[in-house]
Amino acid sequence: MSQPTTKIEAGGNNIMEVFNTILAIAEIMLFVALTVLSVYMILSVKKIAASANKIESDVTEIKVQLIPAISNFNDVIEDVKFISDKSRTEFYKVETVVNRLVEKSNEVIDVLDYIRDKSYRIVNNGSNFISAISLGVKAFRKKISND
């Protein structure tokens, strides 16, 4: 290349060198930033992988603990079903007995009502009869004492 002949051309080369230097510094800063971000991303991925492994081991441990619990739960469900069926059968038996008891109670009440009605008539008639006899005796005594 030829030497610049004017000050403007000489200054232009200096400006280009400054821009090239700034560009080189920017490239270095970008490379450093990318390196830092890459390291941070690698560390984050390792943390995520460790968390995933921990979650996987926890899930495996829970699965191992749940298998007997699920088996016990099935036994409990069977027991509850048996008790429910037995209770239903007993309820129907009790319901039948209660219905019979209600029928018999109604029959007893009917008999008691019949006895009350009949005895009321007898007692009422007897009371009237005794009252009539008592009045007759009084009248007879009065008549005898007046004579």
Foldseek 3Di string as FASTA:
>chain_A
DDDDDDPVVVVVVVVVVVVVVVVVVVVVVVVVVVVVVVVVVVVVVVVVVVVVVVVVVVVVVVVVVVVVVVVVVVVVVVVVVVVVVVVVVVVVVVVVVVVVVVVVVVVVVVVVVVVVVVVVVVVVVVVVVVVVVVVVVVVVVVVVVVD
